[in-house]
Amino acid sequence: MFENLMEVSLLYDFYGKLLSNRQAEAMRLYHEENLSLGEIAEEFDISRQAVYDALKSAEKTLKSYEEKLNLVESFQNRERLISEIRKELHMLNNDGNKEVSQKVFKIEKLLNEVEL
């Protein structure tokens, strides 16, 4: 359950603007504001079941975007690779060589720009 919640939140971060206004607002209230289905139902003046259906539909839509575009997967892979590069740089930097340390610093600055 928690993994799915994190996955859906990440998908929403990437693709939320592609949802309808109502779906996006329901997702925002549920995932960011932590409102219950009942609270969202009151906000929209609809049933809890309608909120549940809207959230499930939005989740399905977000997953279909990811299947087609793979932005989240690419982001996660890039973050993993950057982390591995940083570990290797840290090991190089522990060598004590001033020239190597300067190059490591320059590479780390470049990695910071890539992460933006």
PDB file of N, CA and C in Angstrom:
ATOM      1  N   MET A   1       0.830  -1.207   0.000  1.00  0.00           N
ATOM      2  CA  MET A   1       0.000   0.000   0.000  1.00  0.00           C
ATOM      3  C   MET A   1       0.862   1.253   0.000  1.00  0.00           C
ATOM      4  N   PHE A   2       1.852   1.314   0.927  1.00  0.00           N
ATOM      5  CA  PHE A   2       2.696   2.504   1.030  1.00  0.00           C
ATOM      6  C   PHE A   2       3.498   2.722  -0.238  1.00  0.00           C
ATOM      7  N   GLU A   3       4.035   1.625  -0.806  1.00  0.00           N
ATOM      8  CA  GLU A   3       4.794   1.732  -2.057  1.00  0.00           C
ATOM      9  C   GLU A   3       3.917   2.295  -3.150  1.00  0.00           C
ATOM     10  N   ASN A   4       2.687   1.796  -3.238  1.00  0.00           N
ATOM     11  CA  ASN A   4       1.767   2.273  -4.261  1.00  0.00           C
ATOM     12  C   ASN A   4       1.464   3.756  -4.058  1.00  0.00           C
ATOM     13  N   LEU A   5       1.289   4.168  -2.814  1.00  0.00           N
ATOM     14  CA  LEU A   5       1.013   5.570  -2.514  1.00  0.00           C
ATOM     15  C   LEU A   5       2.185   6.449  -2.953  1.00  0.00           C
ATOM     16  N   MET A   6       3.399   5.992  -2.675  1.00  0.00           N
ATOM     17  CA  MET A   6       4.584   6.744  -3.095  1.00  0.00           C
ATOM     18  C   MET A   6       4.685   6.790  -4.622  1.00  0.00           C
ATOM     19  N   GLU A   7       4.399   5.669  -5.254  1.00  0.00           N
ATOM     20  CA  GLU A   7       4.451   5.599  -6.717  1.00  0.00           C
ATOM     21  C   GLU A   7       3.449   6.566  -7.337  1.00  0.00           C
ATOM     22  N   VAL A   8       2.227   6.554  -6.833  1.00  0.00           N
ATOM     23  CA  VAL A   8       1.185   7.421  -7.378  1.00  0.00           C
ATOM     24  C   VAL A   8       1.532   8.891  -7.132  1.00  0.00           C
ATOM     25  N   SER A   9       2.082   9.186  -5.963  1.00  0.00           N
ATOM     26  CA  SER A   9       2.483  10.572  -5.673  1.00  0.00           C
ATOM     27  C   SER A   9       3.570  11.041  -6.629  1.00  0.00           C
ATOM     28  N   LEU A  10       4.512  10.166  -6.924  1.00  0.00           N
ATOM     29  CA  LEU A  10       5.576  10.509  -7.862  1.00  0.00           C
ATOM     30  C   LEU A  10       5.018  10.685  -9.271  1.00  0.00           C
ATOM     31  N   LEU A  11       4.128   9.804  -9.668  1.00  0.00           N
ATOM     32  CA  LEU A  11       3.482   9.947 -10.977  1.00  0.00           C
ATOM     33  C   LEU A  11       2.708  11.260 -11.052  1.00  0.00           C
ATOM     34  N   TYR A  12       2.037  11.606  -9.958  1.00  0.00           N
ATOM     35  CA  TYR A  12       1.284  12.864  -9.913  1.00  0.00           C
ATOM     36  C   TYR A  12       2.224  14.061 -10.053  1.00  0.00           C
ATOM     37  N   ASP A  13       3.383  13.985  -9.414  1.00  0.00           N
ATOM     38  CA  ASP A  13       4.360  15.075  -9.529  1.00  0.00           C
ATOM     39  C   ASP A  13       4.778  15.292 -10.982  1.00  0.00           C
ATOM     40  N   PHE A  14       4.927  14.219 -11.720  1.00  0.00           N
ATOM     41  CA  PHE A  14       5.381  14.314 -13.106  1.00  0.00           C
ATOM     42  C   PHE A  14       4.253  14.643 -14.080  1.00  0.00           C
ATOM     43  N   TYR A  15       3.092  14.031 -13.883  1.00  0.00           N
ATOM     44  CA  TYR A  15       2.040  14.106 -14.895  1.00  0.00           C
ATOM     45  C   TYR A  15       0.745  14.769 -14.412  1.00  0.00           C
ATOM     46  N   GLY A  16       0.729  15.247 -13.190  1.00  0.00           N
ATOM     47  CA  GLY A  16      -0.503  15.797 -12.614  1.00  0.00           C
ATOM     48  C   GLY A  16      -1.141  16.908 -13.430  1.00  0.00           C
ATOM     49  N   LYS A  17      -0.335  17.706 -14.079  1.00  0.00           N
ATOM     50  CA  LYS A  17      -0.874  18.822 -14.871  1.00  0.00           C
ATOM     51  C   LYS A  17      -1.625  18.339 -16.115  1.00  0.00           C
ATOM     52  N   LEU A  18      -1.467  17.061 -16.457  1.00  0.00           N
ATOM     53  CA  LEU A  18      -2.151  16.510 -17.622  1.00  0.00           C
ATOM     54  C   LEU A  18      -3.541  15.974 -17.275  1.00  0.00           C
ATOM     55  N   LEU A  19      -3.856  15.904 -15.986  1.00  0.00           N
ATOM     56  CA  LEU A  19      -5.175  15.446 -15.551  1.00  0.00           C
ATOM     57  C   LEU A  19      -6.199  16.567 -15.707  1.00  0.00           C
ATOM     58  N   SER A  20      -7.474  16.187 -15.678  1.00  0.00           N
ATOM     59  CA  SER A  20      -8.519  17.216 -15.656  1.00  0.00           C
ATOM     60  C   SER A  20      -8.387  18.002 -14.352  1.00  0.00           C
ATOM     61  N   ASN A  21      -8.944  19.190 -14.320  1.00  0.00           N
ATOM     62  CA  ASN A  21      -8.852  20.018 -13.108  1.00  0.00           C
ATOM     63  C   ASN A  21      -9.425  19.301 -11.899  1.00  0.00           C
ATOM     64  N   ARG A  22     -10.549  18.635 -12.086  1.00  0.00           N
ATOM     65  CA  ARG A  22     -11.205  17.954 -10.966  1.00  0.00           C
ATOM     66  C   ARG A  22     -10.373  16.758 -10.487  1.00  0.00           C
ATOM     67  N   GLN A  23      -9.845  15.976 -11.420  1.00  0.00           N
ATOM     68  CA  GLN A  23      -9.000  14.843 -11.037  1.00  0.00           C
ATOM     69  C   GLN A  23      -7.742  15.336 -10.324  1.00  0.00           C
ATOM     70  N   ALA A  24      -7.139  16.362 -10.871  1.00  0.00           N
ATOM     71  CA  ALA A  24      -5.914  16.900 -10.268  1.00  0.00           C
ATOM     72  C   ALA A  24      -6.191  17.416  -8.860  1.00  0.00           C
ATOM     73  N   GLU A  25      -7.300  18.096  -8.681  1.00  0.00           N
ATOM     74  CA  GLU A  25      -7.633  18.628  -7.354  1.00  0.00           C
ATOM     75  C   GLU A  25      -7.911  17.497  -6.365  1.00  0.00           C
ATOM     76  N   ALA A  26      -8.626  16.461  -6.797  1.00  0.00           N
ATOM     77  CA  ALA A  26      -8.897  15.316  -5.918  1.00  0.00           C
ATOM     78  C   ALA A  26      -7.578  14.634  -5.534  1.00  0.00           C
ATOM     79  N   MET A  27      -6.689  14.458  -6.507  1.00  0.00           N
ATOM     80  CA  MET A  27      -5.380  13.850  -6.219  1.00  0.00           C
ATOM     81  C   MET A  27      -4.579  14.723  -5.252  1.00  0.00           C
ATOM     82  N   ARG A  28      -4.599  16.022  -5.473  1.00  0.00           N
ATOM     83  CA  ARG A  28      -3.861  16.936  -4.597  1.00  0.00           C
ATOM     84  C   ARG A  28      -4.383  16.863  -3.160  1.00  0.00           C
ATOM     85  N   LEU A  29      -5.694  16.905  -3.032  1.00  0.00           N
ATOM     86  CA  LEU A  29      -6.288  16.855  -1.696  1.00  0.00           C
ATOM     87  C   LEU A  29      -5.985  15.528  -0.997  1.00  0.00           C
ATOM     88  N   TYR A  30      -6.011  14.458  -1.750  1.00  0.00           N
ATOM     89  CA  TYR A  30      -5.790  13.135  -1.157  1.00  0.00           C
ATOM     90  C   TYR A  30      -4.315  12.894  -0.857  1.00  0.00           C
ATOM     91  N   HIS A  31      -3.439  13.213  -1.803  1.00  0.00           N
ATOM     92  CA  HIS A  31      -2.023  12.872  -1.652  1.00  0.00           C
ATOM     93  C   HIS A  31      -1.194  13.954  -0.958  1.00  0.00           C
ATOM     94  N   GLU A  32      -1.538  15.201  -1.160  1.00  0.00           N
ATOM     95  CA  GLU A  32      -0.736  16.273  -0.560  1.00  0.00           C
ATOM     96  C   GLU A  32      -1.348  16.808   0.728  1.00  0.00           C
ATOM     97  N   GLU A  33      -2.670  16.924   0.755  1.00  0.00           N
ATOM     98  CA  GLU A  33      -3.332  17.458   1.954  1.00  0.00           C
ATOM     99  C   GLU A  33      -3.775  16.350   2.914  1.00  0.00           C
ATOM    100  N   ASN A  34      -3.655  15.091   2.458  1.00  0.00           N
ATOM    101  CA  ASN A  34      -4.027  13.924   3.274  1.00  0.00           C
ATOM    102  C   ASN A  34      -5.484  13.946   3.729  1.00  0.00           C
ATOM    103  N   LEU A  35      -6.361  14.471   2.893  1.00  0.00           N
ATOM    104  CA  LEU A  35      -7.780  14.456   3.210  1.00  0.00           C
ATOM    105  C   LEU A  35      -8.337  13.058   2.949  1.00  0.00           C
ATOM    106  N   SER A  36      -9.329  12.696   3.705  1.00  0.00           N
ATOM    107  CA  SER A  36      -9.979  11.396   3.525  1.00  0.00           C
ATOM    108  C   SER A  36     -10.940  11.477   2.339  1.00  0.00           C
ATOM    109  N   LEU A  37     -11.406  10.305   1.908  1.00  0.00           N
ATOM    110  CA  LEU A  37     -12.394  10.271   0.823  1.00  0.00           C
ATOM    111  C   LEU A  37     -13.645  11.055   1.215  1.00  0.00           C
ATOM    112  N   GLY A  38     -14.054  10.898   2.468  1.00  0.00           N
ATOM    113  CA  GLY A  38     -15.235  11.615   2.963  1.00  0.00           C
ATOM    114  C   GLY A  38     -15.051  13.126   2.940  1.00  0.00           C
ATOM    115  N   GLU A  39     -13.867  13.574   3.338  1.00  0.00           N
ATOM    116  CA  GLU A  39     -13.597  15.020   3.339  1.00  0.00           C
ATOM    117  C   GLU A  39     -13.574  15.581   1.920  1.00  0.00           C
ATOM    118  N   ILE A  40     -13.002  14.831   1.005  1.00  0.00           N
ATOM    119  CA  ILE A  40     -12.970  15.273  -0.395  1.00  0.00           C
ATOM    120  C   ILE A  40     -14.379  15.255  -0.971  1.00  0.00           C
ATOM    121  N   ALA A  41     -15.156  14.238  -0.608  1.00  0.00           N
ATOM    122  CA  ALA A  41     -16.544  14.152  -1.070  1.00  0.00           C
ATOM    123  C   ALA A  41     -17.337  15.374  -0.627  1.00  0.00           C
ATOM    124  N   GLU A  42     -17.140  15.787   0.620  1.00  0.00           N
ATOM    125  CA  GLU A  42     -17.816  16.996   1.111  1.00  0.00           C
ATOM    126  C   GLU A  42     -17.376  18.232   0.330  1.00  0.00           C
ATOM    127  N   GLU A  43     -16.069  18.322   0.074  1.00  0.00           N
ATOM    128  CA  GLU A  43     -15.511  19.457  -0.669  1.00  0.00           C
ATOM    129  C   GLU A  43     -16.143  19.581  -2.059  1.00  0.00           C
ATOM    130  N   PHE A  44     -16.328  18.436  -2.732  1.00  0.00           N
ATOM    131  CA  PHE A  44     -16.866  18.427  -4.102  1.00  0.00           C
ATOM    132  C   PHE A  44     -18.387  18.231  -4.143  1.00  0.00           C
ATOM    133  N   ASP A  45     -18.977  17.950  -2.981  1.00  0.00           N
ATOM    134  CA  ASP A  45     -20.409  17.665  -2.885  1.00  0.00           C
ATOM    135  C   ASP A  45     -20.787  16.465  -3.763  1.00  0.00           C
ATOM    136  N   ILE A  46     -20.009  15.394  -3.600  1.00  0.00           N
ATOM    137  CA  ILE A  46     -20.269  14.132  -4.297  1.00  0.00           C
ATOM    138  C   ILE A  46     -20.110  13.000  -3.288  1.00  0.00           C
ATOM    139  N   SER A  47     -20.394  11.781  -3.708  1.00  0.00           N
ATOM    140  CA  SER A  47     -20.283  10.631  -2.795  1.00  0.00           C
ATOM    141  C   SER A  47     -18.826  10.212  -2.623  1.00  0.00           C
ATOM    142  N   ARG A  48     -18.587   9.473  -1.539  1.00  0.00           N
ATOM    143  CA  ARG A  48     -17.247   8.923  -1.308  1.00  0.00           C
ATOM    144  C   ARG A  48     -16.866   7.986  -2.446  1.00  0.00           C
ATOM    145  N   GLN A  49     -17.842   7.223  -2.944  1.00  0.00           N
ATOM    146  CA  GLN A  49     -17.585   6.295  -4.046  1.00  0.00           C
ATOM    147  C   GLN A  49     -17.161   7.051  -5.303  1.00  0.00           C
ATOM    148  N   ALA A  50     -17.771   8.195  -5.551  1.00  0.00           N
ATOM    149  CA  ALA A  50     -17.402   9.009  -6.716  1.00  0.00           C
ATOM    150  C   ALA A  50     -15.968   9.522  -6.574  1.00  0.00           C
ATOM    151  N   VAL A  51     -15.581   9.884  -5.361  1.00  0.00           N
ATOM    152  CA  VAL A  51     -14.204  10.332  -5.112  1.00  0.00           C
ATOM    153  C   VAL A  51     -13.242   9.174  -5.347  1.00  0.00           C
ATOM    154  N   TYR A  52     -13.585   8.012  -4.798  1.00  0.00           N
ATOM    155  CA  TYR A  52     -12.754   6.830  -4.971  1.00  0.00           C
ATOM    156  C   TYR A  52     -12.589   6.517  -6.456  1.00  0.00           C
ATOM    157  N   ASP A  53     -13.676   6.543  -7.190  1.00  0.00           N
ATOM    158  CA  ASP A  53     -13.633   6.263  -8.630  1.00  0.00           C
ATOM    159  C   ASP A  53     -12.786   7.291  -9.366  1.00  0.00           C
ATOM    160  N   ALA A  54     -12.906   8.559  -8.991  1.00  0.00           N
ATOM    161  CA  ALA A  54     -12.114   9.619  -9.634  1.00  0.00           C
ATOM    162  C   ALA A  54     -10.629   9.422  -9.361  1.00  0.00           C
ATOM    163  N   LEU A  55     -10.285   9.056  -8.125  1.00  0.00           N
ATOM    164  CA  LEU A  55      -8.884   8.824  -7.779  1.00  0.00           C
ATOM    165  C   LEU A  55      -8.326   7.618  -8.529  1.00  0.00           C
ATOM    166  N   LYS A  56      -9.106   6.543  -8.607  1.00  0.00           N
ATOM    167  CA  LYS A  56      -8.659   5.347  -9.322  1.00  0.00           C
ATOM    168  C   LYS A  56      -8.512   5.640 -10.820  1.00  0.00           C
ATOM    169  N   SER A  57      -9.419   6.417 -11.364  1.00  0.00           N
ATOM    170  CA  SER A  57      -9.329   6.785 -12.777  1.00  0.00           C
ATOM    171  C   SER A  57      -8.100   7.647 -13.033  1.00  0.00           C
ATOM    172  N   ALA A  58      -7.857   8.593 -12.148  1.00  0.00           N
ATOM    173  CA  ALA A  58      -6.679   9.462 -12.280  1.00  0.00           C
ATOM    174  C   ALA A  58      -5.406   8.638 -12.163  1.00  0.00           C
ATOM    175  N   GLU A  59      -5.378   7.701 -11.221  1.00  0.00           N
ATOM    176  CA  GLU A  59      -4.208   6.833 -11.036  1.00  0.00           C
ATOM    177  C   GLU A  59      -3.955   6.012 -12.298  1.00  0.00           C
ATOM    178  N   LYS A  60      -5.010   5.470 -12.873  1.00  0.00           N
ATOM    179  CA  LYS A  60      -4.887   4.687 -14.108  1.00  0.00           C
ATOM    180  C   LYS A  60      -4.346   5.562 -15.241  1.00  0.00           C
ATOM    181  N   THR A  61      -4.835   6.789 -15.323  1.00  0.00           N
ATOM    182  CA  THR A  61      -4.366   7.723 -16.344  1.00  0.00           C
ATOM    183  C   THR A  61      -2.891   8.052 -16.156  1.00  0.00           C
ATOM    184  N   LEU A  62      -2.491   8.307 -14.916  1.00  0.00           N
ATOM    185  CA  LEU A  62      -1.091   8.614 -14.632  1.00  0.00           C
ATOM    186  C   LEU A  62      -0.183   7.445 -15.009  1.00  0.00           C
ATOM    187  N   LYS A  63      -0.623   6.240 -14.686  1.00  0.00           N
ATOM    188  CA  LYS A  63       0.177   5.057 -15.029  1.00  0.00           C
ATOM    189  C   LYS A  63       0.281   4.874 -16.539  1.00  0.00           C
ATOM    190  N   SER A  64      -0.779   5.207 -17.245  1.00  0.00           N
ATOM    191  CA  SER A  64      -0.724   5.075 -18.707  1.00  0.00           C
ATOM    192  C   SER A  64       0.240   6.095 -19.301  1.00  0.00           C
ATOM    193  N   TYR A  65       0.301   7.298 -18.712  1.00  0.00           N
ATOM    194  CA  TYR A  65       1.279   8.288 -19.176  1.00  0.00           C
ATOM    195  C   TYR A  65       2.700   7.770 -18.969  1.00  0.00           C
ATOM    196  N   GLU A  66       2.931   7.170 -17.808  1.00  0.00           N
ATOM    197  CA  GLU A  66       4.275   6.651 -17.517  1.00  0.00           C
ATOM    198  C   GLU A  66       4.635   5.502 -18.455  1.00  0.00           C
ATOM    199  N   GLU A  67       3.673   4.645 -18.764  1.00  0.00           N
ATOM    200  CA  GLU A  67       3.938   3.547 -19.695  1.00  0.00           C
ATOM    201  C   GLU A  67       4.375   4.075 -21.062  1.00  0.00           C
ATOM    202  N   LYS A  68       3.810   5.197 -21.463  1.00  0.00           N
ATOM    203  CA  LYS A  68       4.125   5.766 -22.775  1.00  0.00           C
ATOM    204  C   LYS A  68       5.385   6.624 -22.759  1.00  0.00           C
ATOM    205  N   LEU A  69       5.577   7.392 -21.683  1.00  0.00           N
ATOM    206  CA  LEU A  69       6.648   8.395 -21.665  1.00  0.00           C
ATOM    207  C   LEU A  69       7.876   8.007 -20.830  1.00  0.00           C
ATOM    208  N   ASN A  70       7.689   7.183 -19.838  1.00  0.00           N
ATOM    209  CA  ASN A  70       8.781   6.709 -18.969  1.00  0.00           C
ATOM    210  C   ASN A  70       9.598   7.827 -18.319  1.00  0.00           C
ATOM    211  N   LEU A  71       8.985   8.925 -18.011  1.00  0.00           N
ATOM    212  CA  LEU A  71       9.715  10.030 -17.385  1.00  0.00           C
ATOM    213  C   LEU A  71      10.149   9.699 -15.958  1.00  0.00           C
ATOM    214  N   VAL A  72       9.281   9.051 -15.213  1.00  0.00           N
ATOM    215  CA  VAL A  72       9.605   8.710 -13.826  1.00  0.00           C
ATOM    216  C   VAL A  72      10.730   7.683 -13.792  1.00  0.00           C
ATOM    217  N   GLU A  73      10.620   6.661 -14.625  1.00  0.00           N
ATOM    218  CA  GLU A  73      11.663   5.643 -14.677  1.00  0.00           C
ATOM    219  C   GLU A  73      13.006   6.258 -15.078  1.00  0.00           C
ATOM    220  N   SER A  74      12.995   7.135 -16.064  1.00  0.00           N
ATOM    221  CA  SER A  74      14.234   7.803 -16.491  1.00  0.00           C
ATOM    222  C   SER A  74      14.807   8.656 -15.367  1.00  0.00           C
ATOM    223  N   PHE A  75      13.943   9.372 -14.668  1.00  0.00           N
ATOM    224  CA  PHE A  75      14.372  10.192 -13.536  1.00  0.00           C
ATOM    225  C   PHE A  75      15.017   9.336 -12.447  1.00  0.00           C
ATOM    226  N   GLN A  76      14.371   8.225 -12.105  1.00  0.00           N
ATOM    227  CA  GLN A  76      14.897   7.356 -11.057  1.00  0.00           C
ATOM    228  C   GLN A  76      16.227   6.740 -11.472  1.00  0.00           C
ATOM    229  N   ASN A  77      16.347   6.345 -12.719  1.00  0.00           N
ATOM    230  CA  ASN A  77      17.616   5.800 -13.209  1.00  0.00           C
ATOM    231  C   ASN A  77      18.717   6.847 -13.159  1.00  0.00           C
ATOM    232  N   ARG A  78      18.394   8.061 -13.573  1.00  0.00           N
ATOM    233  CA  ARG A  78      19.382   9.147 -13.545  1.00  0.00           C
ATOM    234  C   ARG A  78      19.824   9.438 -12.112  1.00  0.00           C
ATOM    235  N   GLU A  79      18.883   9.466 -11.188  1.00  0.00           N
ATOM    236  CA  GLU A  79      19.224   9.718  -9.783  1.00  0.00           C
ATOM    237  C   GLU A  79      20.118   8.610  -9.231  1.00  0.00           C
ATOM    238  N   ARG A  80      19.825   7.372  -9.597  1.00  0.00           N
ATOM    239  CA  ARG A  80      20.635   6.235  -9.142  1.00  0.00           C
ATOM    240  C   ARG A  80      22.062   6.347  -9.689  1.00  0.00           C
ATOM    241  N   LEU A  81      22.176   6.675 -10.968  1.00  0.00           N
ATOM    242  CA  LEU A  81      23.500   6.803 -11.580  1.00  0.00           C
ATOM    243  C   LEU A  81      24.287   7.962 -10.976  1.00  0.00           C
ATOM    244  N   ILE A  82      23.639   9.072 -10.741  1.00  0.00           N
ATOM    245  CA  ILE A  82      24.309  10.217 -10.128  1.00  0.00           C
ATOM    246  C   ILE A  82      24.800   9.855  -8.734  1.00  0.00           C
ATOM    247  N   SER A  83      23.993   9.106  -8.001  1.00  0.00           N
ATOM    248  CA  SER A  83      24.405   8.662  -6.662  1.00  0.00           C
ATOM    249  C   SER A  83      25.640   7.765  -6.739  1.00  0.00           C
ATOM    250  N   GLU A  84      25.653   6.853  -7.699  1.00  0.00           N
ATOM    251  CA  GLU A  84      26.814   5.974  -7.871  1.00  0.00           C
ATOM    252  C   GLU A  84      28.056   6.779  -8.261  1.00  0.00           C
ATOM    253  N   ILE A  85      27.893   7.750  -9.132  1.00  0.00           N
ATOM    254  CA  ILE A  85      29.019   8.599  -9.537  1.00  0.00           C
ATOM    255  C   ILE A  85      29.559   9.357  -8.335  1.00  0.00           C
ATOM    256  N   ARG A  86      28.648   9.888  -7.503  1.00  0.00           N
ATOM    257  CA  ARG A  86      29.084  10.627  -6.312  1.00  0.00           C
ATOM    258  C   ARG A  86      29.882   9.727  -5.351  1.00  0.00           C
ATOM    259  N   LYS A  87      29.458   8.484  -5.209  1.00  0.00           N
ATOM    260  CA  LYS A  87      30.190   7.547  -4.344  1.00  0.00           C
ATOM    261  C   LYS A  87      31.596   7.318  -4.875  1.00  0.00           C
ATOM    262  N   GLU A  88      31.702   7.121  -6.175  1.00  0.00           N
ATOM    263  CA  GLU A  88      33.020   6.907  -6.790  1.00  0.00           C
ATOM    264  C   GLU A  88      33.892   8.160  -6.638  1.00  0.00           C
ATOM    265  N   LEU A  89      33.298   9.317  -6.818  1.00  0.00           N
ATOM    266  CA  LEU A  89      34.049  10.566  -6.653  1.00  0.00           C
ATOM    267  C   LEU A  89      34.533  10.728  -5.218  1.00  0.00           C
ATOM    268  N   HIS A  90      33.689  10.370  -4.286  1.00  0.00           N
ATOM    269  CA  HIS A  90      34.067  10.468  -2.876  1.00  0.00           C
ATOM    270  C   HIS A  90      35.280   9.572  -2.586  1.00  0.00           C
ATOM    271  N   MET A  91      35.267   8.384  -3.169  1.00  0.00           N
ATOM    272  CA  MET A  91      36.400   7.473  -2.976  1.00  0.00           C
ATOM    273  C   MET A  91      37.663   8.056  -3.612  1.00  0.00           C
ATOM    274  N   LEU A  92      37.536   8.658  -4.786  1.00  0.00           N
ATOM    275  CA  LEU A  92      38.687   9.288  -5.438  1.00  0.00           C
ATOM    276  C   LEU A  92      39.223  10.458  -4.619  1.00  0.00           C
ATOM    277  N   ASN A  93      38.306  11.212  -4.061  1.00  0.00           N
ATOM    278  CA  ASN A  93      38.669  12.418  -3.320  1.00  0.00           C
ATOM    279  C   ASN A  93      39.420  12.085  -2.031  1.00  0.00           C
ATOM    280  N   ASN A  94      39.220  10.894  -1.504  1.00  0.00           N
ATOM    281  CA  ASN A  94      39.899  10.479  -0.275  1.00  0.00           C
ATOM    282  C   ASN A  94      41.367  10.145  -0.509  1.00  0.00           C
ATOM    283  N   ASP A  95      41.796  10.200  -1.752  1.00  0.00           N
ATOM    284  CA  ASP A  95      43.175   9.881  -2.119  1.00  0.00           C
ATOM    285  C   ASP A  95      44.168  10.906  -1.555  1.00  0.00           C
ATOM    286  N   GLY A  96      43.715  12.155  -1.382  1.00  0.00           N
ATOM    287  CA  GLY A  96      44.598  13.193  -0.862  1.00  0.00           C
ATOM    288  C   GLY A  96      45.351  13.953  -1.942  1.00  0.00           C
ATOM    289  N   ASN A  97      45.176  13.591  -3.177  1.00  0.00           N
ATOM    290  CA  ASN A  97      45.830  14.265  -4.297  1.00  0.00           C
ATOM    291  C   ASN A  97      45.070  15.562  -4.602  1.00  0.00           C
ATOM    292  N   LYS A  98      45.779  16.701  -4.518  1.00  0.00           N
ATOM    293  CA  LYS A  98      45.133  18.005  -4.694  1.00  0.00           C
ATOM    294  C   LYS A  98      44.548  18.163  -6.097  1.00  0.00           C
ATOM    295  N   GLU A  99      45.289  17.714  -7.103  1.00  0.00           N
ATOM    296  CA  GLU A  99      44.804  17.833  -8.481  1.00  0.00           C
ATOM    297  C   GLU A  99      43.528  17.006  -8.685  1.00  0.00           C
ATOM    298  N   VAL A 100      43.524  15.803  -8.142  1.00  0.00           N
ATOM    299  CA  VAL A 100      42.338  14.943  -8.238  1.00  0.00           C
ATOM    300  C   VAL A 100      41.174  15.596  -7.499  1.00  0.00           C
ATOM    301  N   SER A 101      41.437  16.162  -6.323  1.00  0.00           N
ATOM    302  CA  SER A 101      40.388  16.818  -5.533  1.00  0.00           C
ATOM    303  C   SER A 101      39.759  17.972  -6.296  1.00  0.00           C
ATOM    304  N   GLN A 102      40.571  18.739  -7.016  1.00  0.00           N
ATOM    305  CA  GLN A 102      40.047  19.849  -7.804  1.00  0.00           C
ATOM    306  C   GLN A 102      39.154  19.344  -8.937  1.00  0.00           C
ATOM    307  N   LYS A 103      39.568  18.268  -9.576  1.00  0.00           N
ATOM    308  CA  LYS A 103      38.757  17.696 -10.658  1.00  0.00           C
ATOM    309  C   LYS A 103      37.455  17.107 -10.106  1.00  0.00           C
ATOM    310  N   VAL A 104      37.537  16.466  -8.957  1.00  0.00           N
ATOM    311  CA  VAL A 104      36.345  15.913  -8.318  1.00  0.00           C
ATOM    312  C   VAL A 104      35.368  17.039  -8.008  1.00  0.00           C
ATOM    313  N   PHE A 105      35.872  18.149  -7.475  1.00  0.00           N
ATOM    314  CA  PHE A 105      35.026  19.302  -7.157  1.00  0.00           C
ATOM    315  C   PHE A 105      34.323  19.804  -8.413  1.00  0.00           C
ATOM    316  N   LYS A 106      35.050  19.901  -9.513  1.00  0.00           N
ATOM    317  CA  LYS A 106      34.473  20.375 -10.775  1.00  0.00           C
ATOM    318  C   LYS A 106      33.387  19.416 -11.272  1.00  0.00           C
ATOM    319  N   ILE A 107      33.640  18.120 -11.181  1.00  0.00           N
ATOM    320  CA  ILE A 107      32.658  17.128 -11.614  1.00  0.00           C
ATOM    321  C   ILE A 107      31.410  17.198 -10.736  1.00  0.00           C
ATOM    322  N   GLU A 108      31.593  17.384  -9.433  1.00  0.00           N
ATOM    323  CA  GLU A 108      30.441  17.492  -8.528  1.00  0.00           C
ATOM    324  C   GLU A 108      29.592  18.717  -8.853  1.00  0.00           C
ATOM    325  N   LYS A 109      30.235  19.820  -9.214  1.00  0.00           N
ATOM    326  CA  LYS A 109      29.486  21.005  -9.629  1.00  0.00           C
ATOM    327  C   LYS A 109      28.658  20.715 -10.874  1.00  0.00           C
ATOM    328  N   LEU A 110      29.244  19.998 -11.811  1.00  0.00           N
ATOM    329  CA  LEU A 110      28.517  19.631 -13.025  1.00  0.00           C
ATOM    330  C   LEU A 110      27.343  18.711 -12.709  1.00  0.00           C
ATOM    331  N   LEU A 111      27.551  17.782 -11.786  1.00  0.00           N
ATOM    332  CA  LEU A 111      26.454  16.884 -11.382  1.00  0.00           C
ATOM    333  C   LEU A 111      25.321  17.675 -10.735  1.00  0.00           C
ATOM    334  N   ASN A 112      25.654  18.692  -9.972  1.00  0.00           N
ATOM    335  CA  ASN A 112      24.615  19.526  -9.357  1.00  0.00           C
ATOM    336  C   ASN A 112      23.767  20.194 -10.421  1.00  0.00           C
ATOM    337  N   GLU A 113      24.401  20.620 -11.525  1.00  0.00           N
ATOM    338  CA  GLU A 113      23.648  21.233 -12.615  1.00  0.00           C
ATOM    339  C   GLU A 113      22.768  20.223 -13.310  1.00  0.00           C
ATOM    340  N   VAL A 114      23.239  18.999 -13.448  1.00  0.00           N
ATOM    341  CA  VAL A 114      22.456  17.945 -14.087  1.00  0.00           C
ATOM    342  C   VAL A 114      21.210  17.643 -13.258  1.00  0.00           C
ATOM    343  N   GLU A 115      21.333  17.696 -11.951  1.00  0.00           N
ATOM    344  CA  GLU A 115      20.206  17.374 -11.077  1.00  0.00           C
ATOM    345  C   GLU A 115      19.124  18.440 -11.097  1.00  0.00           C
ATOM    346  N   LEU A 116      19.448  19.639 -11.535  1.00  0.00           N
ATOM    347  CA  LEU A 116      18.432  20.682 -11.600  1.00  0.00           C
ATOM    348  C   LEU A 116      17.472  20.344 -12.663  1.00  0.00           C
TER     349      LEU A 116
END
